[in-house]
Amino acid sequence: MAPHLISGDGEACVAAAKRKAASRVALEARIPPELFYRGGLAQRVPSVAEAVLLGDIRRQVSKLLGVGISFTQPDEIIAKFEAKLSAEPVVPAQIQYALAL
């Protein structure tokens, strides 16, 4: 955004948003890549230690952004991943139609 179009308060808000974004990126960089969902599906279930880490990161990001969240306890996180792994893959309607032909 063009700096001359932003008021003093706006500049402060943009700077704060940039700091929060950088902090979030740094927090999420601690997550092992194989624990990120791919195509809406979990790749594997995290260990208890990894679930503790995910919960900690989720709480920190939530606090940073000022939003409420669920799934912060290791058992909740593990159950969520297990549910995602056992879920039927979502197939777009166009592909379902083509497969039915």
C-alpha atoms as a PDB file:
ATOM      1  CA  MET A   1       0.000   0.000   0.000  1.00  0.00           C
ATOM      2  CA  ALA A   2       1.229   3.494  -0.795  1.00  0.00           C
ATOM      3  CA  PRO A   3       2.547   5.035   2.451  1.00  0.00           C
ATOM      4  CA  HIS A   4       1.119   8.466   1.613  1.00  0.00           C
ATOM      5  CA  LEU A   5      -2.394   6.958   1.683  1.00  0.00           C
ATOM      6  CA  ILE A   6      -2.108   5.712   5.262  1.00  0.00           C
ATOM      7  CA  SER A   7      -2.802   7.881   8.306  1.00  0.00           C
ATOM      8  CA  GLY A   8      -0.555   7.834  11.384  1.00  0.00           C
ATOM      9  CA  ASP A   9      -2.902   5.385  13.123  1.00  0.00           C
ATOM     10  CA  GLY A  10      -3.021   3.275   9.980  1.00  0.00           C
ATOM     11  CA  GLU A  11       0.773   3.138   9.823  1.00  0.00           C
ATOM     12  CA  ALA A  12       0.872   1.861  13.403  1.00  0.00           C
ATOM     13  CA  CYS A  13      -1.747  -0.799  12.587  1.00  0.00           C
ATOM     14  CA  VAL A  14       0.165  -1.946   9.506  1.00  0.00           C
ATOM     15  CA  ALA A  15       3.414  -2.120  11.488  1.00  0.00           C
ATOM     16  CA  ALA A  16       1.707  -4.126  14.252  1.00  0.00           C
ATOM     17  CA  ALA A  17       0.166  -6.498  11.697  1.00  0.00           C
ATOM     18  CA  LYS A  18       3.573  -7.042  10.091  1.00  0.00           C
ATOM     19  CA  ARG A  19       5.144  -7.815  13.481  1.00  0.00           C
ATOM     20  CA  LYS A  20       2.359 -10.289  14.301  1.00  0.00           C
ATOM     21  CA  ALA A  21       2.714 -11.955  10.902  1.00  0.00           C
ATOM     22  CA  ALA A  22       6.473 -12.328  11.351  1.00  0.00           C
ATOM     23  CA  SER A  23       5.962 -13.777  14.836  1.00  0.00           C
ATOM     24  CA  ARG A  24       3.391 -16.243  13.524  1.00  0.00           C
ATOM     25  CA  VAL A  25       5.712 -17.359  10.722  1.00  0.00           C
ATOM     26  CA  ALA A  26       8.503 -17.902  13.268  1.00  0.00           C
ATOM     27  CA  LEU A  27       6.203 -19.915  15.555  1.00  0.00           C
ATOM     28  CA  GLU A  28       4.835 -22.065  12.730  1.00  0.00           C
ATOM     29  CA  ALA A  29       8.364 -22.703  11.417  1.00  0.00           C
ATOM     30  CA  ARG A  30       8.824 -24.918  14.496  1.00  0.00           C
ATOM     31  CA  ILE A  31       6.197 -27.369  13.174  1.00  0.00           C
ATOM     32  CA  PRO A  32       7.699 -30.427  11.462  1.00  0.00           C
ATOM     33  CA  PRO A  33       6.739 -30.253   7.750  1.00  0.00           C
ATOM     34  CA  GLU A  34       5.146 -33.702   7.761  1.00  0.00           C
ATOM     35  CA  LEU A  35       2.596 -32.508  10.335  1.00  0.00           C
ATOM     36  CA  PHE A  36       1.082 -29.947   7.974  1.00  0.00           C
ATOM     37  CA  TYR A  37      -2.124 -31.076   6.307  1.00  0.00           C
ATOM     38  CA  ARG A  38      -1.869 -31.698   2.567  1.00  0.00           C
ATOM     39  CA  GLY A  39      -5.041 -31.344   0.567  1.00  0.00           C
ATOM     40  CA  GLY A  40      -6.996 -31.094   3.803  1.00  0.00           C
ATOM     41  CA  LEU A  41      -5.660 -34.438   5.048  1.00  0.00           C
ATOM     42  CA  ALA A  42      -3.191 -35.298   7.767  1.00  0.00           C
ATOM     43  CA  GLN A  43      -0.075 -37.131   6.630  1.00  0.00           C
ATOM     44  CA  ARG A  44       0.468 -38.924   9.941  1.00  0.00           C
ATOM     45  CA  VAL A  45      -0.483 -38.779  13.605  1.00  0.00           C
ATOM     46  CA  PRO A  46       1.897 -36.726  15.757  1.00  0.00           C
ATOM     47  CA  SER A  47       3.687 -38.264  18.706  1.00  0.00           C
ATOM     48  CA  VAL A  48       2.705 -37.036  22.167  1.00  0.00           C
ATOM     49  CA  ALA A  49       5.761 -34.742  22.225  1.00  0.00           C
ATOM     50  CA  GLU A  50       4.816 -33.338  18.804  1.00  0.00           C
ATOM     51  CA  ALA A  51       1.206 -32.858  19.939  1.00  0.00           C
ATOM     52  CA  VAL A  52       2.485 -30.926  22.976  1.00  0.00           C
ATOM     53  CA  LEU A  53       4.529 -28.736  20.615  1.00  0.00           C
ATOM     54  CA  LEU A  54       1.526 -28.181  18.310  1.00  0.00           C
ATOM     55  CA  GLY A  55      -0.664 -27.234  21.266  1.00  0.00           C
ATOM     56  CA  ASP A  56       1.941 -24.788  22.525  1.00  0.00           C
ATOM     57  CA  ILE A  57       2.289 -23.180  19.102  1.00  0.00           C
ATOM     58  CA  ARG A  58      -1.502 -23.001  18.693  1.00  0.00           C
ATOM     59  CA  ARG A  59      -1.863 -21.276  22.080  1.00  0.00           C
ATOM     60  CA  GLN A  60       0.893 -18.771  21.285  1.00  0.00           C
ATOM     61  CA  VAL A  61      -0.548 -17.928  17.856  1.00  0.00           C
ATOM     62  CA  SER A  62      -4.022 -17.614  19.374  1.00  0.00           C
ATOM     63  CA  LYS A  63      -2.750 -15.212  22.024  1.00  0.00           C
ATOM     64  CA  LEU A  64      -0.758 -13.254  19.443  1.00  0.00           C
ATOM     65  CA  LEU A  65      -3.808 -12.807  17.193  1.00  0.00           C
ATOM     66  CA  GLY A  66      -6.337 -12.431  20.007  1.00  0.00           C
ATOM     67  CA  VAL A  67      -8.562 -15.293  18.888  1.00  0.00           C
ATOM     68  CA  GLY A  68     -10.009 -18.254  20.739  1.00  0.00           C
ATOM     69  CA  ILE A  69      -9.128 -21.777  19.649  1.00  0.00           C
ATOM     70  CA  SER A  70      -9.742 -25.395  20.493  1.00  0.00           C
ATOM     71  CA  PHE A  71      -7.493 -28.453  20.110  1.00  0.00           C
ATOM     72  CA  THR A  72      -4.673 -27.309  22.369  1.00  0.00           C
ATOM     73  CA  GLN A  73      -4.291 -30.457  24.479  1.00  0.00           C
ATOM     74  CA  PRO A  74      -2.166 -33.358  23.176  1.00  0.00           C
ATOM     75  CA  ASP A  75      -5.011 -35.900  23.352  1.00  0.00           C
ATOM     76  CA  GLU A  76      -7.342 -33.566  21.419  1.00  0.00           C
ATOM     77  CA  ILE A  77      -4.706 -32.913  18.762  1.00  0.00           C
ATOM     78  CA  ILE A  78      -3.897 -36.595  18.325  1.00  0.00           C
ATOM     79  CA  ALA A  79      -7.614 -37.465  18.069  1.00  0.00           C
ATOM     80  CA  LYS A  80      -8.105 -34.741  15.433  1.00  0.00           C
ATOM     81  CA  PHE A  81      -5.223 -36.103  13.339  1.00  0.00           C
ATOM     82  CA  GLU A  82      -6.536 -39.673  13.696  1.00  0.00           C
ATOM     83  CA  ALA A  83      -9.978 -38.515  12.546  1.00  0.00           C
ATOM     84  CA  LYS A  84      -8.472 -36.727   9.550  1.00  0.00           C
ATOM     85  CA  LEU A  85      -6.453 -39.809   8.599  1.00  0.00           C
ATOM     86  CA  SER A  86      -9.481 -42.089   8.768  1.00  0.00           C
ATOM     87  CA  ALA A  87     -11.766 -39.692   6.869  1.00  0.00           C
ATOM     88  CA  GLU A  88     -12.858 -40.394   3.335  1.00  0.00           C
ATOM     89  CA  PRO A  89     -10.915 -38.246   0.894  1.00  0.00           C
ATOM     90  CA  VAL A  90     -12.978 -35.399  -0.491  1.00  0.00           C
ATOM     91  CA  VAL A  91     -13.368 -35.771  -4.243  1.00  0.00           C
ATOM     92  CA  PRO A  92     -14.639 -32.750  -6.196  1.00  0.00           C
ATOM     93  CA  ALA A  93     -18.004 -33.243  -7.904  1.00  0.00           C
ATOM     94  CA  GLN A  94     -16.450 -32.977 -11.382  1.00  0.00           C
ATOM     95  CA  ILE A  95     -14.141 -35.905 -10.667  1.00  0.00           C
ATOM     96  CA  GLN A  96     -16.957 -37.946  -9.086  1.00  0.00           C
ATOM     97  CA  TYR A  97     -19.007 -37.400 -12.254  1.00  0.00           C
ATOM     98  CA  ALA A  98     -16.111 -38.409 -14.522  1.00  0.00           C
ATOM     99  CA  LEU A  99     -15.469 -41.546 -12.447  1.00  0.00           C
ATOM    100  CA  ALA A 100     -19.145 -42.510 -12.702  1.00  0.00           C
ATOM    101  CA  LEU A 101     -19.031 -42.512 -16.522  1.00  0.00           C
END
